[in-house]
């Protein structure tokens, strides 16, 4: 296992503004490289959210990671993601959103807002 390395600017709060004094994470080496995903499917039931992260290429896809969490934690995840997108855009400018899978450029909405 290795220690968690944080990119510059993330500080000790995981980038979500919430301090966890004394809490340290260990990164198993088998997870340290991470995986790339360009698609996400979310399922839920009364007790949990299931996020299946997938890599789509050449008309086929493969699930590369599955994360299961409680509804309460999912709300915290959503808040952390929103906060981090705001910080990212403040630093690097607006994120251009590509068309959703199966849509053609300009087919839905105004292409000027992408």
N, C-alpha and C. Protein backbone atom coordinates (compact mmCIF):
# COMPACT_ATOMS: atom_id res chain seq x y z
N UNK A 1 0.84 -1.18 0.00
CA UNK A 1 0.00 0.00 0.00
C UNK A 1 0.87 1.23 0.00
N UNK A 2 0.36 2.27 -0.62
CA UNK A 2 1.09 3.52 -0.67
C UNK A 2 0.23 4.61 -0.04
N UNK A 3 0.87 5.72 0.34
CA UNK A 3 0.12 6.85 0.84
C UNK A 3 -0.62 7.53 -0.30
N UNK A 4 -1.73 8.18 0.02
CA UNK A 4 -2.49 8.89 -1.01
C UNK A 4 -1.75 10.17 -1.36
N UNK A 5 -1.51 10.36 -2.65
CA UNK A 5 -0.89 11.59 -3.12
C UNK A 5 -1.99 12.50 -3.62
N UNK A 6 -1.93 13.76 -3.23
CA UNK A 6 -2.95 14.72 -3.64
C UNK A 6 -2.35 15.67 -4.66
N UNK A 7 -3.08 15.94 -5.76
CA UNK A 7 -2.60 16.93 -6.72
C UNK A 7 -2.46 18.29 -6.05
N UNK A 8 -1.61 19.13 -6.62
CA UNK A 8 -1.41 20.47 -6.08
C UNK A 8 -2.74 21.18 -5.97
N UNK A 9 -2.93 21.89 -4.88
CA UNK A 9 -4.13 22.67 -4.70
C UNK A 9 -5.26 21.94 -3.98
N UNK A 10 -5.11 20.63 -3.76
CA UNK A 10 -6.18 19.90 -3.10
C UNK A 10 -6.09 20.02 -1.59
N UNK A 11 -4.93 20.30 -1.07
CA UNK A 11 -4.80 20.41 0.37
C UNK A 11 -5.12 19.11 1.08
N UNK A 12 -5.42 19.20 2.36
CA UNK A 12 -5.69 18.02 3.15
C UNK A 12 -7.16 17.68 3.29
N UNK A 13 -8.01 18.34 2.50
CA UNK A 13 -9.44 18.11 2.67
C UNK A 13 -10.05 17.28 1.55
N UNK A 14 -9.22 16.68 0.70
CA UNK A 14 -9.75 15.89 -0.40
C UNK A 14 -10.40 16.74 -1.47
N UNK A 15 -10.24 18.06 -1.38
CA UNK A 15 -10.78 18.95 -2.38
C UNK A 15 -12.25 19.28 -2.19
N UNK A 16 -12.85 18.85 -1.07
CA UNK A 16 -14.28 19.13 -0.90
C UNK A 16 -14.56 20.08 0.26
N UNK A 17 -13.52 20.66 0.86
CA UNK A 17 -13.72 21.64 1.91
C UNK A 17 -14.01 21.06 3.28
N UNK A 18 -14.08 19.74 3.40
CA UNK A 18 -14.38 19.12 4.69
C UNK A 18 -13.12 18.53 5.28
N UNK A 19 -12.72 19.05 6.44
CA UNK A 19 -11.53 18.56 7.11
C UNK A 19 -11.87 17.31 7.92
N UNK A 20 -10.95 16.36 7.92
CA UNK A 20 -11.10 15.14 8.69
C UNK A 20 -9.85 14.97 9.54
N UNK A 21 -9.79 15.67 10.71
CA UNK A 21 -8.58 15.60 11.52
C UNK A 21 -8.23 14.17 11.91
N UNK A 22 -6.98 13.81 11.70
CA UNK A 22 -6.49 12.51 12.10
C UNK A 22 -6.87 11.36 11.17
N UNK A 23 -7.70 11.61 10.17
CA UNK A 23 -8.09 10.55 9.26
C UNK A 23 -7.10 10.48 8.12
N UNK A 24 -6.50 9.31 7.95
CA UNK A 24 -5.53 9.11 6.88
C UNK A 24 -5.98 7.94 6.03
N UNK A 25 -5.85 8.08 4.73
CA UNK A 25 -6.22 7.03 3.80
C UNK A 25 -4.97 6.34 3.28
N UNK A 26 -5.09 5.06 3.04
CA UNK A 26 -4.02 4.29 2.41
C UNK A 26 -4.52 3.89 1.03
N UNK A 27 -3.66 3.92 0.04
CA UNK A 27 -4.03 3.56 -1.32
C UNK A 27 -3.40 2.22 -1.66
N UNK A 28 -4.21 1.17 -1.82
CA UNK A 28 -3.64 -0.11 -2.25
C UNK A 28 -2.99 0.06 -3.62
N UNK A 29 -1.84 -0.55 -3.81
CA UNK A 29 -1.12 -0.38 -5.08
C UNK A 29 -1.94 -0.82 -6.28
N UNK A 30 -2.81 -1.82 -6.11
CA UNK A 30 -3.61 -2.30 -7.25
C UNK A 30 -4.61 -1.24 -7.72
N UNK A 31 -4.90 -0.23 -6.86
CA UNK A 31 -5.83 0.83 -7.22
C UNK A 31 -5.14 2.15 -7.59
N UNK A 32 -3.86 2.25 -7.31
CA UNK A 32 -3.16 3.53 -7.44
C UNK A 32 -3.17 4.10 -8.85
N UNK A 33 -3.15 3.27 -9.87
CA UNK A 33 -3.14 3.78 -11.25
C UNK A 33 -4.50 4.31 -11.65
N UNK A 34 -5.57 3.89 -11.00
CA UNK A 34 -6.91 4.32 -11.35
C UNK A 34 -7.38 3.67 -12.64
N UNK A 35 -8.59 3.99 -13.05
CA UNK A 35 -9.14 3.50 -14.31
C UNK A 35 -9.80 4.69 -14.99
N UNK A 36 -9.87 4.64 -16.32
CA UNK A 36 -10.52 5.70 -17.08
C UNK A 36 -11.94 5.25 -17.40
N UNK A 37 -12.90 6.14 -17.19
CA UNK A 37 -14.29 5.88 -17.53
C UNK A 37 -14.84 7.09 -18.27
N UNK A 38 -15.62 6.84 -19.32
CA UNK A 38 -16.24 7.95 -20.05
C UNK A 38 -17.76 7.83 -20.06
N UNK A 39 -18.29 6.97 -19.20
CA UNK A 39 -19.73 6.80 -19.08
C UNK A 39 -20.07 6.36 -17.66
N UNK A 40 -21.26 6.73 -17.23
CA UNK A 40 -21.71 6.37 -15.88
C UNK A 40 -23.18 6.01 -15.94
N UNK A 41 -23.52 4.87 -15.34
CA UNK A 41 -24.91 4.46 -15.20
C UNK A 41 -25.19 4.40 -13.70
N UNK A 42 -26.26 5.06 -13.27
CA UNK A 42 -26.61 5.10 -11.84
C UNK A 42 -27.93 4.38 -11.64
N UNK A 43 -27.94 3.47 -10.67
CA UNK A 43 -29.15 2.75 -10.25
C UNK A 43 -29.36 3.09 -8.78
N UNK A 44 -30.60 2.97 -8.31
CA UNK A 44 -30.84 3.17 -6.88
C UNK A 44 -32.03 2.35 -6.43
N UNK A 45 -32.05 2.11 -5.13
CA UNK A 45 -33.19 1.50 -4.45
C UNK A 45 -33.32 2.24 -3.13
N UNK A 46 -34.25 1.89 -2.27
CA UNK A 46 -34.41 2.67 -1.04
C UNK A 46 -33.17 2.73 -0.15
N UNK A 47 -32.29 1.75 -0.24
CA UNK A 47 -31.16 1.70 0.68
C UNK A 47 -29.81 2.05 0.11
N UNK A 48 -29.69 2.17 -1.21
CA UNK A 48 -28.35 2.41 -1.77
C UNK A 48 -28.42 2.96 -3.19
N UNK A 49 -27.30 3.59 -3.57
CA UNK A 49 -27.05 4.01 -4.94
C UNK A 49 -25.94 3.13 -5.48
N UNK A 50 -26.07 2.71 -6.72
CA UNK A 50 -25.04 1.92 -7.39
C UNK A 50 -24.59 2.70 -8.61
N UNK A 51 -23.30 2.98 -8.68
CA UNK A 51 -22.72 3.71 -9.81
C UNK A 51 -21.81 2.77 -10.58
N UNK A 52 -22.18 2.47 -11.81
CA UNK A 52 -21.36 1.64 -12.69
C UNK A 52 -20.64 2.55 -13.66
N UNK A 53 -19.33 2.65 -13.51
CA UNK A 53 -18.49 3.45 -14.38
C UNK A 53 -18.03 2.56 -15.53
N UNK A 54 -18.13 3.07 -16.77
CA UNK A 54 -17.84 2.26 -17.94
C UNK A 54 -16.90 2.98 -18.89
N UNK A 55 -16.22 2.19 -19.69
CA UNK A 55 -15.40 2.70 -20.79
C UNK A 55 -16.09 2.27 -22.08
N UNK A 56 -16.54 3.25 -22.84
CA UNK A 56 -17.18 2.99 -24.13
C UNK A 56 -16.20 3.31 -25.23
N UNK A 57 -16.02 2.39 -26.15
CA UNK A 57 -15.13 2.60 -27.30
C UNK A 57 -15.57 1.69 -28.43
N UNK A 58 -15.63 2.25 -29.63
CA UNK A 58 -15.94 1.45 -30.81
C UNK A 58 -17.30 0.78 -30.77
N UNK A 59 -18.28 1.41 -30.17
CA UNK A 59 -19.61 0.85 -30.14
C UNK A 59 -19.84 -0.20 -29.07
N UNK A 60 -18.83 -0.49 -28.26
CA UNK A 60 -18.96 -1.47 -27.18
C UNK A 60 -18.51 -0.83 -25.87
N UNK A 61 -18.93 -1.41 -24.77
CA UNK A 61 -18.54 -0.86 -23.48
C UNK A 61 -18.23 -1.95 -22.48
N UNK A 62 -17.52 -1.54 -21.44
CA UNK A 62 -17.18 -2.47 -20.36
C UNK A 62 -17.21 -1.70 -19.05
N UNK A 63 -17.84 -2.29 -18.03
CA UNK A 63 -17.84 -1.69 -16.70
C UNK A 63 -16.42 -1.80 -16.15
N UNK A 64 -15.84 -0.67 -15.72
CA UNK A 64 -14.48 -0.68 -15.18
C UNK A 64 -14.45 -0.50 -13.67
N UNK A 65 -15.58 -0.04 -13.10
CA UNK A 65 -15.64 0.12 -11.64
C UNK A 65 -17.10 0.20 -11.22
N UNK A 66 -17.40 -0.32 -10.04
CA UNK A 66 -18.74 -0.20 -9.45
C UNK A 66 -18.56 0.34 -8.05
N UNK A 67 -19.31 1.40 -7.73
CA UNK A 67 -19.29 1.98 -6.39
C UNK A 67 -20.71 1.94 -5.86
N UNK A 68 -20.87 1.41 -4.66
CA UNK A 68 -22.17 1.32 -4.00
C UNK A 68 -22.09 2.14 -2.72
N UNK A 69 -23.08 3.01 -2.52
CA UNK A 69 -23.05 3.87 -1.34
C UNK A 69 -24.46 4.16 -0.85
N UNK A 70 -24.56 4.68 0.36
CA UNK A 70 -25.86 4.98 0.96
C UNK A 70 -26.44 6.27 0.36
N UNK A 71 -27.77 6.44 0.45
CA UNK A 71 -28.36 7.69 -0.05
C UNK A 71 -27.80 8.93 0.66
N UNK A 72 -27.58 8.85 1.96
CA UNK A 72 -27.01 10.00 2.68
C UNK A 72 -25.63 10.36 2.19
N UNK A 73 -24.80 9.35 1.96
CA UNK A 73 -23.45 9.64 1.47
C UNK A 73 -23.51 10.15 0.02
N UNK A 74 -24.46 9.65 -0.77
CA UNK A 74 -24.59 10.11 -2.15
C UNK A 74 -24.87 11.61 -2.20
N UNK A 75 -25.67 12.13 -1.26
CA UNK A 75 -25.91 13.57 -1.19
C UNK A 75 -24.60 14.32 -0.93
N UNK A 76 -23.74 13.77 -0.06
CA UNK A 76 -22.45 14.41 0.21
C UNK A 76 -21.55 14.34 -1.01
N UNK A 77 -21.59 13.22 -1.73
CA UNK A 77 -20.81 13.07 -2.96
C UNK A 77 -21.25 14.11 -3.98
N UNK A 78 -22.55 14.26 -4.16
CA UNK A 78 -23.09 15.24 -5.10
C UNK A 78 -22.64 16.66 -4.75
N UNK A 79 -22.71 17.00 -3.47
CA UNK A 79 -22.29 18.33 -3.03
C UNK A 79 -20.79 18.54 -3.29
N UNK A 80 -19.98 17.52 -3.02
CA UNK A 80 -18.54 17.62 -3.25
C UNK A 80 -18.23 17.77 -4.73
N UNK A 81 -18.95 17.04 -5.58
CA UNK A 81 -18.74 17.16 -7.03
C UNK A 81 -19.13 18.55 -7.53
N UNK A 82 -20.28 19.06 -7.07
CA UNK A 82 -20.70 20.40 -7.48
C UNK A 82 -19.68 21.45 -7.07
N UNK A 83 -19.20 21.36 -5.84
CA UNK A 83 -18.21 22.31 -5.34
C UNK A 83 -16.92 22.24 -6.15
N UNK A 84 -16.49 21.04 -6.48
CA UNK A 84 -15.24 20.89 -7.22
C UNK A 84 -15.36 21.34 -8.67
N UNK A 85 -16.52 21.13 -9.29
CA UNK A 85 -16.73 21.65 -10.66
C UNK A 85 -16.68 23.17 -10.63
N UNK A 86 -17.30 23.80 -9.63
CA UNK A 86 -17.24 25.25 -9.51
C UNK A 86 -15.80 25.73 -9.35
N UNK A 87 -15.02 25.08 -8.51
CA UNK A 87 -13.62 25.45 -8.32
C UNK A 87 -12.82 25.26 -9.62
N UNK A 88 -13.05 24.15 -10.31
CA UNK A 88 -12.37 23.88 -11.57
C UNK A 88 -12.66 24.98 -12.58
N UNK A 89 -13.95 25.32 -12.73
CA UNK A 89 -14.33 26.34 -13.71
C UNK A 89 -13.82 27.71 -13.32
N UNK A 90 -13.72 28.00 -12.05
CA UNK A 90 -13.16 29.28 -11.61
C UNK A 90 -11.68 29.36 -11.99
N UNK A 91 -10.99 28.24 -11.95
CA UNK A 91 -9.56 28.22 -12.26
C UNK A 91 -9.28 28.08 -13.75
N UNK A 92 -10.04 27.22 -14.45
CA UNK A 92 -9.71 26.87 -15.83
C UNK A 92 -10.74 27.34 -16.86
N UNK A 93 -11.85 27.89 -16.42
CA UNK A 93 -12.90 28.33 -17.34
C UNK A 93 -14.00 27.28 -17.46
N UNK A 94 -15.09 27.66 -18.12
CA UNK A 94 -16.24 26.76 -18.23
C UNK A 94 -15.89 25.44 -18.91
N UNK A 95 -16.50 24.38 -18.42
CA UNK A 95 -16.34 23.06 -19.02
C UNK A 95 -17.32 22.96 -20.19
N UNK A 96 -16.81 22.60 -21.35
CA UNK A 96 -17.67 22.39 -22.51
C UNK A 96 -18.24 20.97 -22.43
N UNK A 97 -19.56 20.87 -22.49
CA UNK A 97 -20.22 19.57 -22.38
C UNK A 97 -20.45 19.00 -23.77
N UNK A 98 -19.87 17.84 -24.07
CA UNK A 98 -20.11 17.22 -25.38
C UNK A 98 -21.52 16.67 -25.45
N UNK A 99 -22.00 16.37 -26.66
CA UNK A 99 -23.34 15.77 -26.77
C UNK A 99 -23.40 14.45 -26.02
N UNK A 100 -24.56 14.13 -25.49
CA UNK A 100 -24.75 12.85 -24.81
C UNK A 100 -24.62 11.73 -25.82
N UNK A 101 -24.32 10.55 -25.33
CA UNK A 101 -24.19 9.37 -26.18
C UNK A 101 -25.42 9.23 -27.07
N UNK A 102 -25.22 9.08 -28.36
CA UNK A 102 -26.32 8.90 -29.30
C UNK A 102 -26.86 10.19 -29.89
N UNK A 103 -26.48 11.36 -29.35
CA UNK A 103 -26.91 12.63 -29.90
C UNK A 103 -25.89 13.14 -30.89
N UNK A 104 -26.35 13.84 -31.89
CA UNK A 104 -25.46 14.49 -32.85
C UNK A 104 -25.20 15.91 -32.37
N UNK A 105 -24.05 16.46 -32.69
CA UNK A 105 -23.73 17.85 -32.35
C UNK A 105 -24.84 18.75 -32.88
N UNK A 106 -25.39 19.60 -32.03
CA UNK A 106 -26.41 20.55 -32.43
C UNK A 106 -27.81 19.97 -32.46
N UNK A 107 -27.97 18.68 -32.20
CA UNK A 107 -29.28 18.05 -32.28
C UNK A 107 -30.17 18.46 -31.11
N UNK A 108 -29.59 18.57 -29.91
CA UNK A 108 -30.36 18.93 -28.72
C UNK A 108 -29.78 20.20 -28.15
N UNK A 109 -30.61 21.19 -27.89
CA UNK A 109 -30.15 22.43 -27.29
C UNK A 109 -29.38 23.27 -28.30
N UNK A 110 -28.79 24.32 -27.80
CA UNK A 110 -28.05 25.26 -28.62
C UNK A 110 -26.57 24.88 -28.58
N UNK A 111 -25.96 24.68 -29.73
CA UNK A 111 -24.55 24.29 -29.78
C UNK A 111 -23.67 25.36 -29.14
N UNK A 112 -24.16 26.58 -29.06
CA UNK A 112 -23.36 27.65 -28.46
C UNK A 112 -23.12 27.48 -26.99
N UNK A 113 -23.92 26.65 -26.32
CA UNK A 113 -23.70 26.49 -24.87
C UNK A 113 -22.88 25.26 -24.55
N UNK A 114 -22.23 24.68 -25.52
CA UNK A 114 -21.39 23.50 -25.28
C UNK A 114 -19.96 23.92 -25.20
